Every structure is written in C-alpha cells, then in structure tokens.
N, C-alpha and C. Protein backbone atom coordinates (compact mmCIF):
# COMPACT_ATOMS: atom_id res chain seq x y z
N MET A 1 186.89 55.62 360.63
CA MET A 1 186.68 55.44 359.55
C MET A 1 185.06 55.74 359.40
N THR A 2 183.87 55.98 358.89
CA THR A 2 182.58 56.22 359.03
C THR A 2 182.52 55.50 357.65
N THR A 3 181.24 54.87 357.27
CA THR A 3 180.71 54.55 355.88
C THR A 3 179.29 55.12 356.16
N ILE A 4 178.88 55.80 355.11
CA ILE A 4 177.57 56.32 354.57
C ILE A 4 176.81 55.93 353.58
N GLU A 5 175.90 55.29 353.25
CA GLU A 5 175.40 55.26 351.86
C GLU A 5 174.47 56.50 351.34
N GLY A 6 174.60 56.42 350.27
CA GLY A 6 173.70 57.52 349.66
C GLY A 6 173.35 57.39 348.16
N ILE A 7 173.23 58.22 347.27
CA ILE A 7 172.50 58.19 346.00
C ILE A 7 173.08 59.68 345.38
N TYR A 8 173.85 59.21 344.26
CA TYR A 8 174.59 60.19 343.12
C TYR A 8 173.63 60.03 342.17
N GLU A 9 173.10 61.48 341.63
CA GLU A 9 172.38 61.53 340.18
C GLU A 9 172.25 63.37 340.09
N ASN A 10 172.55 63.24 338.95
CA ASN A 10 172.49 64.55 338.33
C ASN A 10 173.18 65.74 338.94
N GLY A 11 174.61 64.74 339.29
CA GLY A 11 176.10 65.73 339.76
C GLY A 11 175.75 65.89 341.04
N LYS A 12 174.86 65.37 342.17
CA LYS A 12 174.43 65.63 343.38
C LYS A 12 174.38 64.28 344.16
N ILE A 13 175.33 64.46 345.36
CA ILE A 13 175.10 63.26 346.34
C ILE A 13 174.18 63.76 347.35
N THR A 14 173.04 62.84 347.64
CA THR A 14 172.18 62.74 348.96
C THR A 14 172.47 61.89 349.49
N LEU A 15 172.94 62.08 351.05
CA LEU A 15 173.37 61.06 351.70
C LEU A 15 171.62 60.32 352.66
N ASN A 16 172.01 59.37 352.83
CA ASN A 16 170.59 58.49 353.84
C ASN A 16 170.94 59.18 354.94
N GLU A 17 171.91 59.48 355.58
CA GLU A 17 171.73 59.91 356.97
C GLU A 17 173.15 60.97 357.09
N LEU A 18 172.77 61.96 358.20
CA LEU A 18 174.03 62.72 358.55
C LEU A 18 174.98 62.08 359.34
N PRO A 19 176.29 62.24 358.85
CA PRO A 19 177.50 61.68 360.28
C PRO A 19 177.27 62.19 361.00
N LYS A 20 177.82 61.58 362.46
CA LYS A 20 177.58 61.84 363.75
C LYS A 20 178.92 62.48 364.06
N ASN A 21 179.39 63.28 365.13
CA ASN A 21 180.02 63.73 365.23
C ASN A 21 181.33 64.23 364.25
N ILE A 22 181.22 64.45 363.21
CA ILE A 22 182.41 64.80 362.06
C ILE A 22 182.17 66.20 361.79
N VAL A 23 183.38 66.97 362.21
CA VAL A 23 183.32 68.32 361.34
C VAL A 23 183.74 68.55 360.39
N LYS A 24 184.99 67.96 359.97
CA LYS A 24 185.55 68.18 358.80
C LYS A 24 186.13 66.55 358.93
N ALA A 25 186.18 66.27 357.57
CA ALA A 25 187.11 64.90 357.07
C ALA A 25 187.04 64.95 355.60
N GLN A 26 188.21 64.21 355.41
CA GLN A 26 188.78 63.81 354.39
C GLN A 26 187.44 62.68 353.59
N VAL A 27 187.21 62.75 352.57
CA VAL A 27 185.97 61.59 351.90
C VAL A 27 186.49 61.49 350.51
N LYS A 28 186.06 59.78 350.73
CA LYS A 28 186.34 58.84 349.27
C LYS A 28 185.04 58.47 348.71
N VAL A 29 184.71 58.65 347.41
CA VAL A 29 183.52 58.55 346.97
C VAL A 29 183.46 56.77 346.04
N VAL A 30 182.84 56.09 346.35
CA VAL A 30 183.29 54.75 345.67
C VAL A 30 181.78 54.44 344.94
N PHE A 31 181.72 54.75 343.68
CA PHE A 31 180.33 54.46 342.92
C PHE A 31 180.02 52.52 342.59
N GLU A 32 178.69 52.47 342.99
CA GLU A 32 178.42 51.08 342.62
C GLU A 32 176.81 51.58 341.85
N GLU A 33 177.11 50.30 340.70
CA GLU A 33 176.17 50.28 339.90
C GLU A 33 174.80 49.74 340.58
N VAL A 34 173.85 50.65 340.09
CA VAL A 34 172.30 50.45 340.59
C VAL A 34 171.68 49.64 339.39
N GLU A 35 171.21 48.08 340.12
CA GLU A 35 170.52 47.43 339.24
C GLU A 35 169.10 48.21 338.92
N GLU A 36 168.42 48.19 337.76
CA GLU A 36 167.22 48.93 337.38
C GLU A 36 166.16 47.43 337.76
N LYS A 37 164.60 47.70 338.49
CA LYS A 37 164.23 46.22 338.73
C LYS A 37 163.22 46.55 337.29
N GLY A 38 163.01 45.13 337.10
CA GLY A 38 161.87 44.68 335.82
C GLY A 38 160.59 45.98 335.75
N GLU A 39 160.12 45.62 334.94
CA GLU A 39 159.27 46.41 334.12
C GLU A 39 158.41 46.45 335.55
N SER A 40 157.76 45.63 336.52
CA SER A 40 156.66 45.88 337.26
C SER A 40 157.68 46.29 338.25
N GLY A 41 158.77 46.25 338.70
CA GLY A 41 159.59 46.25 340.02
C GLY A 41 159.52 45.52 341.12
N LYS A 42 158.68 44.66 340.50
CA LYS A 42 158.44 43.52 341.84
C LYS A 42 159.21 42.17 341.61
N ARG A 43 159.89 41.93 342.81
CA ARG A 43 160.77 40.56 342.62
C ARG A 43 159.83 39.27 341.44
N GLN A 44 160.23 38.61 340.95
CA GLN A 44 159.98 37.40 340.24
C GLN A 44 160.02 36.46 341.21
N LEU A 45 158.59 35.85 341.18
CA LEU A 45 158.70 34.57 342.38
C LEU A 45 159.01 33.28 341.75
N GLY A 46 159.62 32.46 342.61
CA GLY A 46 159.81 31.06 342.42
C GLY A 46 161.22 30.39 341.90
N THR A 47 162.27 31.60 341.48
CA THR A 47 163.17 31.43 340.99
C THR A 47 164.11 30.49 341.64
N MET A 48 163.68 30.16 342.77
CA MET A 48 164.83 29.17 343.88
C MET A 48 163.59 27.78 343.60
N ARG A 49 162.96 27.64 343.21
CA ARG A 49 161.94 26.32 342.92
C ARG A 49 163.12 25.32 342.78
N GLY A 50 162.63 24.06 343.29
CA GLY A 50 163.97 23.17 343.02
C GLY A 50 165.42 22.91 343.26
N LYS A 51 165.60 24.10 344.26
CA LYS A 51 167.05 24.01 344.61
C LYS A 51 167.37 23.72 345.91
N PHE A 52 165.86 23.20 346.82
CA PHE A 52 166.37 23.01 348.11
C PHE A 52 165.18 21.82 348.27
N GLU A 53 165.66 21.32 349.33
CA GLU A 53 164.84 19.79 349.62
C GLU A 53 164.42 19.98 351.04
N ILE A 54 163.35 19.88 351.55
CA ILE A 54 162.92 19.96 353.04
C ILE A 54 162.85 18.47 353.48
N PRO A 55 163.62 17.84 354.24
CA PRO A 55 163.30 16.43 354.84
C PRO A 55 161.89 16.30 355.25
N ASP A 56 161.23 14.95 355.05
CA ASP A 56 160.06 14.25 355.45
C ASP A 56 159.80 14.93 357.07
N ASP A 57 160.60 14.61 358.05
CA ASP A 57 160.59 14.93 359.28
C ASP A 57 160.74 16.73 359.84
N PHE A 58 160.87 17.22 358.97
CA PHE A 58 161.23 18.65 359.13
C PHE A 58 159.83 19.20 359.91
N TYR A 59 160.07 19.79 361.24
CA TYR A 59 158.80 20.16 361.71
C TYR A 59 159.07 21.84 361.97
C-alpha cells in the first residue's frame, strides 16, 4: 500500500508526487477538510503563552 497526498479542486485530483513502480492499482480516496487560514494567512503569535514553565536552572 502506498499513500500519496494531493488536492481535490473543481472535480480534479492533483497529486503532490507521482507513485513509483506502480503500473496499475486499485485506488481509495479519502477527503479531509482543508482549514482556511485567517485573513492574513499568518499564524497567530502568543497562543501558547502561559501554558509552559521553564525552570530557572534550564540552560
């Protein structure tokens, strides 16, 4: 079994890479929801603030 990721859009699947050494095979397609990024498309900084403590003697 080989797994290759890709994108489904407008009725077409575009694979991120071509399968190696496969001439013919049965295919199963699993659709995962794609999360849209925020307006700017950037990560929000500071979301983990206060969740971890670093000991004073950590170097």
